[in-house]
N, C-alpha and C. Protein backbone atom coordinates (compact mmCIF):
# COMPACT_ATOMS: atom_id res chain seq x y z
N UNK A 1 1.11 23.50 30.85
CA UNK A 1 1.67 22.28 31.39
C UNK A 1 1.61 22.35 32.91
N UNK A 2 1.12 21.31 33.52
CA UNK A 2 1.12 21.21 34.97
C UNK A 2 2.45 20.60 35.41
N UNK A 3 3.10 21.26 36.35
CA UNK A 3 4.35 20.75 36.92
C UNK A 3 4.03 20.02 38.22
N UNK A 4 5.00 19.28 38.73
CA UNK A 4 4.79 18.52 39.97
C UNK A 4 4.31 19.43 41.09
N UNK A 5 4.88 20.62 41.19
CA UNK A 5 4.49 21.53 42.28
C UNK A 5 3.08 22.10 42.12
N UNK A 6 2.48 21.93 40.93
CA UNK A 6 1.11 22.40 40.70
C UNK A 6 0.06 21.41 41.20
N UNK A 7 0.47 20.18 41.46
CA UNK A 7 -0.45 19.14 41.91
C UNK A 7 -0.49 19.12 43.43
N UNK A 8 -1.68 19.29 44.00
CA UNK A 8 -1.86 19.27 45.45
C UNK A 8 -1.98 17.83 45.95
N UNK A 9 -2.81 17.04 45.27
CA UNK A 9 -2.95 15.63 45.64
C UNK A 9 -3.60 14.84 44.52
N UNK A 10 -3.41 13.52 44.63
CA UNK A 10 -3.99 12.57 43.69
C UNK A 10 -4.69 11.50 44.52
N UNK A 11 -5.91 11.18 44.14
CA UNK A 11 -6.66 10.12 44.82
C UNK A 11 -7.11 9.11 43.76
N UNK A 12 -6.74 7.86 43.95
CA UNK A 12 -7.25 6.76 43.12
C UNK A 12 -8.33 6.07 43.94
N UNK A 13 -9.48 5.80 43.31
CA UNK A 13 -10.60 5.24 44.07
C UNK A 13 -11.56 4.50 43.14
N UNK A 14 -12.34 3.63 43.74
CA UNK A 14 -13.44 2.97 43.04
C UNK A 14 -14.72 3.48 43.69
N UNK A 15 -15.54 4.22 42.93
CA UNK A 15 -16.78 4.75 43.51
C UNK A 15 -17.72 3.62 43.95
N UNK A 16 -18.48 3.86 45.01
CA UNK A 16 -19.46 2.85 45.43
C UNK A 16 -20.39 2.46 44.27
N UNK A 17 -20.61 1.17 44.12
CA UNK A 17 -21.49 0.69 43.07
C UNK A 17 -20.82 0.54 41.71
N UNK A 18 -19.52 0.85 41.62
CA UNK A 18 -18.79 0.74 40.35
C UNK A 18 -17.71 -0.33 40.48
N UNK A 19 -17.12 -0.70 39.34
CA UNK A 19 -16.08 -1.72 39.32
C UNK A 19 -14.72 -1.19 38.88
N UNK A 20 -14.70 0.00 38.28
CA UNK A 20 -13.47 0.50 37.69
C UNK A 20 -12.92 1.68 38.48
N UNK A 21 -11.61 1.78 38.47
CA UNK A 21 -10.90 2.82 39.20
C UNK A 21 -11.04 4.17 38.51
N UNK A 22 -11.06 5.20 39.30
CA UNK A 22 -11.00 6.58 38.80
C UNK A 22 -9.83 7.26 39.50
N UNK A 23 -9.34 8.33 38.91
CA UNK A 23 -8.25 9.10 39.50
C UNK A 23 -8.68 10.56 39.55
N UNK A 24 -8.66 11.12 40.76
CA UNK A 24 -8.94 12.54 40.97
C UNK A 24 -7.61 13.25 41.16
N UNK A 25 -7.40 14.31 40.40
CA UNK A 25 -6.19 15.13 40.55
C UNK A 25 -6.64 16.54 40.91
N UNK A 26 -6.12 17.05 42.02
CA UNK A 26 -6.42 18.41 42.46
C UNK A 26 -5.18 19.28 42.25
N UNK A 27 -5.40 20.47 41.69
CA UNK A 27 -4.30 21.37 41.37
C UNK A 27 -4.29 22.58 42.30
N UNK A 28 -3.12 23.17 42.44
CA UNK A 28 -2.92 24.34 43.29
C UNK A 28 -3.84 25.50 42.90
N UNK A 29 -4.16 25.63 41.61
CA UNK A 29 -5.02 26.73 41.15
C UNK A 29 -6.51 26.46 41.42
N UNK A 30 -6.82 25.36 42.11
CA UNK A 30 -8.20 25.03 42.44
C UNK A 30 -8.86 24.09 41.44
N UNK A 31 -8.21 23.86 40.31
CA UNK A 31 -8.76 22.96 39.30
C UNK A 31 -8.73 21.52 39.77
N UNK A 32 -9.68 20.76 39.27
CA UNK A 32 -9.76 19.33 39.58
C UNK A 32 -10.15 18.59 38.31
N UNK A 33 -9.58 17.42 38.12
CA UNK A 33 -10.02 16.55 37.04
C UNK A 33 -10.19 15.14 37.58
N UNK A 34 -11.15 14.44 37.03
CA UNK A 34 -11.36 13.04 37.35
C UNK A 34 -11.20 12.26 36.05
N UNK A 35 -10.33 11.28 36.07
CA UNK A 35 -10.07 10.45 34.90
C UNK A 35 -10.63 9.06 35.13
N UNK A 36 -11.36 8.55 34.14
CA UNK A 36 -11.86 7.18 34.21
C UNK A 36 -10.71 6.22 33.97
N UNK A 37 -10.89 4.98 34.40
CA UNK A 37 -9.85 3.98 34.29
C UNK A 37 -9.35 3.80 32.86
N UNK A 38 -10.25 3.83 31.89
CA UNK A 38 -9.85 3.65 30.50
C UNK A 38 -8.85 4.72 30.07
N UNK A 39 -9.05 5.95 30.52
CA UNK A 39 -8.13 7.04 30.18
C UNK A 39 -6.79 6.83 30.86
N UNK A 40 -6.81 6.48 32.14
CA UNK A 40 -5.57 6.24 32.88
C UNK A 40 -4.82 5.06 32.27
N UNK A 41 -5.54 4.01 31.90
CA UNK A 41 -4.90 2.86 31.25
C UNK A 41 -4.17 3.28 29.98
N UNK A 42 -4.82 4.11 29.17
CA UNK A 42 -4.20 4.59 27.94
C UNK A 42 -2.96 5.42 28.22
N UNK A 43 -3.05 6.30 29.21
CA UNK A 43 -1.90 7.14 29.58
C UNK A 43 -0.74 6.25 30.04
N UNK A 44 -1.04 5.26 30.86
CA UNK A 44 0.01 4.35 31.35
C UNK A 44 0.65 3.60 30.19
N UNK A 45 -0.16 3.09 29.26
CA UNK A 45 0.40 2.37 28.10
C UNK A 45 1.29 3.28 27.28
N UNK A 46 0.82 4.50 27.00
CA UNK A 46 1.61 5.44 26.20
C UNK A 46 2.90 5.80 26.92
N UNK A 47 2.80 6.11 28.20
CA UNK A 47 3.98 6.48 28.98
C UNK A 47 5.00 5.34 28.99
N UNK A 48 4.54 4.13 29.28
CA UNK A 48 5.45 2.99 29.34
C UNK A 48 6.09 2.72 27.99
N UNK A 49 5.33 2.86 26.91
CA UNK A 49 5.87 2.62 25.57
C UNK A 49 6.98 3.59 25.21
N UNK A 50 6.95 4.79 25.77
CA UNK A 50 8.00 5.78 25.48
C UNK A 50 9.09 5.72 26.55
N UNK A 51 8.72 5.79 27.82
CA UNK A 51 9.69 5.89 28.90
C UNK A 51 10.56 4.64 29.04
N UNK A 52 10.01 3.47 28.77
CA UNK A 52 10.74 2.22 29.00
C UNK A 52 11.34 1.62 27.74
N UNK A 53 11.15 2.27 26.61
CA UNK A 53 11.68 1.76 25.34
C UNK A 53 13.03 2.40 25.07
N UNK A 54 14.02 1.63 24.63
CA UNK A 54 15.36 2.20 24.44
C UNK A 54 15.49 3.17 23.27
N UNK A 55 14.52 3.19 22.36
CA UNK A 55 14.63 4.07 21.20
C UNK A 55 13.41 4.96 20.97
N UNK A 56 12.27 4.53 21.37
CA UNK A 56 11.03 5.25 21.07
C UNK A 56 11.00 6.61 21.78
N UNK A 57 10.54 7.63 21.04
CA UNK A 57 10.49 8.99 21.58
C UNK A 57 9.07 9.56 21.66
N UNK A 58 8.11 8.92 20.99
CA UNK A 58 6.75 9.46 21.00
C UNK A 58 5.77 8.38 20.55
N UNK A 59 4.56 8.48 21.07
CA UNK A 59 3.46 7.62 20.65
C UNK A 59 2.19 8.44 20.76
N UNK A 60 1.26 8.20 19.86
CA UNK A 60 -0.03 8.90 19.88
C UNK A 60 -1.14 7.86 20.03
N UNK A 61 -2.06 8.13 20.95
CA UNK A 61 -3.25 7.30 21.09
C UNK A 61 -4.46 8.16 20.76
N UNK A 62 -5.45 7.57 20.09
CA UNK A 62 -6.69 8.28 19.79
C UNK A 62 -7.87 7.42 20.24
N UNK A 63 -8.99 8.09 20.53
CA UNK A 63 -10.18 7.39 20.99
C UNK A 63 -10.81 6.61 19.85
N UNK A 64 -11.10 5.35 20.13
CA UNK A 64 -11.85 4.50 19.20
C UNK A 64 -12.99 3.85 19.96
N UNK A 65 -14.09 3.69 19.29
CA UNK A 65 -15.23 2.97 19.85
C UNK A 65 -15.21 1.57 19.25
N UNK A 66 -14.95 0.59 20.08
CA UNK A 66 -14.80 -0.78 19.61
C UNK A 66 -16.12 -1.54 19.72
N UNK A 67 -16.33 -2.41 18.75
CA UNK A 67 -17.50 -3.29 18.80
C UNK A 67 -17.22 -4.41 19.80
N UNK A 68 -18.25 -5.15 20.17
CA UNK A 68 -18.07 -6.28 21.09
C UNK A 68 -17.07 -7.29 20.53
N UNK A 69 -17.08 -7.43 19.23
CA UNK A 69 -16.18 -8.38 18.56
C UNK A 69 -14.72 -7.92 18.63
N UNK A 70 -14.50 -6.60 18.65
CA UNK A 70 -13.14 -6.06 18.62
C UNK A 70 -12.46 -5.97 19.98
N UNK A 71 -13.24 -5.97 21.06
CA UNK A 71 -12.64 -5.72 22.37
C UNK A 71 -12.61 -6.98 23.22
N UNK A 72 -11.70 -6.96 24.18
CA UNK A 72 -11.62 -8.05 25.14
C UNK A 72 -12.77 -7.94 26.14
N UNK A 73 -13.15 -9.08 26.67
CA UNK A 73 -14.19 -9.13 27.72
C UNK A 73 -13.77 -8.26 28.90
N UNK A 74 -14.70 -7.47 29.40
CA UNK A 74 -14.43 -6.64 30.57
C UNK A 74 -13.85 -5.28 30.25
N UNK A 75 -13.51 -5.03 28.99
CA UNK A 75 -12.94 -3.74 28.59
C UNK A 75 -14.04 -2.82 28.08
N UNK A 76 -13.86 -1.53 28.30
CA UNK A 76 -14.78 -0.52 27.80
C UNK A 76 -14.76 -0.51 26.27
N UNK A 77 -15.90 -0.17 25.66
CA UNK A 77 -15.91 -0.05 24.20
C UNK A 77 -15.15 1.20 23.76
N UNK A 78 -14.98 2.16 24.65
CA UNK A 78 -14.22 3.38 24.34
C UNK A 78 -12.78 3.15 24.77
N UNK A 79 -11.85 3.16 23.82
CA UNK A 79 -10.45 2.87 24.12
C UNK A 79 -9.52 3.85 23.41
N UNK A 80 -8.46 4.26 24.11
CA UNK A 80 -7.39 5.03 23.49
C UNK A 80 -6.42 4.03 22.89
N UNK A 81 -6.29 4.05 21.56
CA UNK A 81 -5.45 3.08 20.86
C UNK A 81 -4.38 3.79 20.04
N UNK A 82 -3.26 3.12 19.88
CA UNK A 82 -2.11 3.67 19.17
C UNK A 82 -2.44 3.90 17.70
N UNK A 83 -1.94 5.02 17.17
CA UNK A 83 -2.07 5.32 15.75
C UNK A 83 -0.80 4.90 15.02
N UNK A 84 -0.84 5.00 13.71
CA UNK A 84 0.33 4.69 12.89
C UNK A 84 1.17 5.93 12.62
N UNK A 85 0.82 7.06 13.23
CA UNK A 85 1.56 8.31 13.00
C UNK A 85 3.01 8.14 13.41
N UNK A 86 3.92 8.64 12.61
CA UNK A 86 5.35 8.50 12.89
C UNK A 86 5.75 9.34 14.10
N UNK A 87 6.82 8.91 14.76
CA UNK A 87 7.34 9.67 15.90
C UNK A 87 7.70 11.09 15.48
N UNK A 88 8.29 11.23 14.30
CA UNK A 88 8.68 12.55 13.81
C UNK A 88 7.47 13.46 13.67
N UNK A 89 6.38 12.94 13.12
CA UNK A 89 5.16 13.75 12.96
C UNK A 89 4.56 14.12 14.32
N UNK A 90 4.57 13.18 15.25
CA UNK A 90 4.04 13.45 16.59
C UNK A 90 4.87 14.54 17.26
N UNK A 91 6.19 14.41 17.22
CA UNK A 91 7.07 15.40 17.86
C UNK A 91 6.93 16.77 17.20
N UNK A 92 6.75 16.80 15.89
CA UNK A 92 6.55 18.06 15.18
C UNK A 92 5.25 18.73 15.65
N UNK A 93 4.20 17.94 15.77
CA UNK A 93 2.91 18.47 16.22
C UNK A 93 3.00 19.02 17.65
N UNK A 94 3.68 18.30 18.53
CA UNK A 94 3.85 18.77 19.91
C UNK A 94 4.65 20.07 19.93
N UNK A 95 5.69 20.17 19.11
CA UNK A 95 6.48 21.40 19.05
C UNK A 95 5.62 22.58 18.60
N UNK A 96 4.73 22.34 17.64
CA UNK A 96 3.82 23.40 17.18
C UNK A 96 2.86 23.83 18.28
N UNK A 97 2.36 22.88 19.04
CA UNK A 97 1.44 23.20 20.14
C UNK A 97 2.16 24.04 21.19
N UNK A 98 3.39 23.68 21.54
CA UNK A 98 4.16 24.43 22.53
C UNK A 98 4.51 25.83 22.06
N UNK A 99 4.62 26.02 20.75
CA UNK A 99 5.00 27.34 20.23
C UNK A 99 3.83 28.31 20.17
N UNK A 100 2.60 27.83 20.37
CA UNK A 100 1.41 28.69 20.29
C UNK A 100 1.31 29.60 21.49
């Protein structure tokens, strides 16, 4: 798990010749990751659904490849979308991952 003190800086940017935002995160250990807008959008949706909901404790999103008919205009065909997995199952899975 990366803690706040592990992050050196965050840069949000639109690369020349592109239309969508990317986020670069640099870590104290020298690691760097670049997230495409679709990934950041999914993270924001998941975070907001849990953090701002009075009862919800967990949500899971998985990658789906949407057809032109399934997606809104201007959206990537690759989308992180909510699953039907129960909060209890999600929390159990996270607890197992942390115990490894």
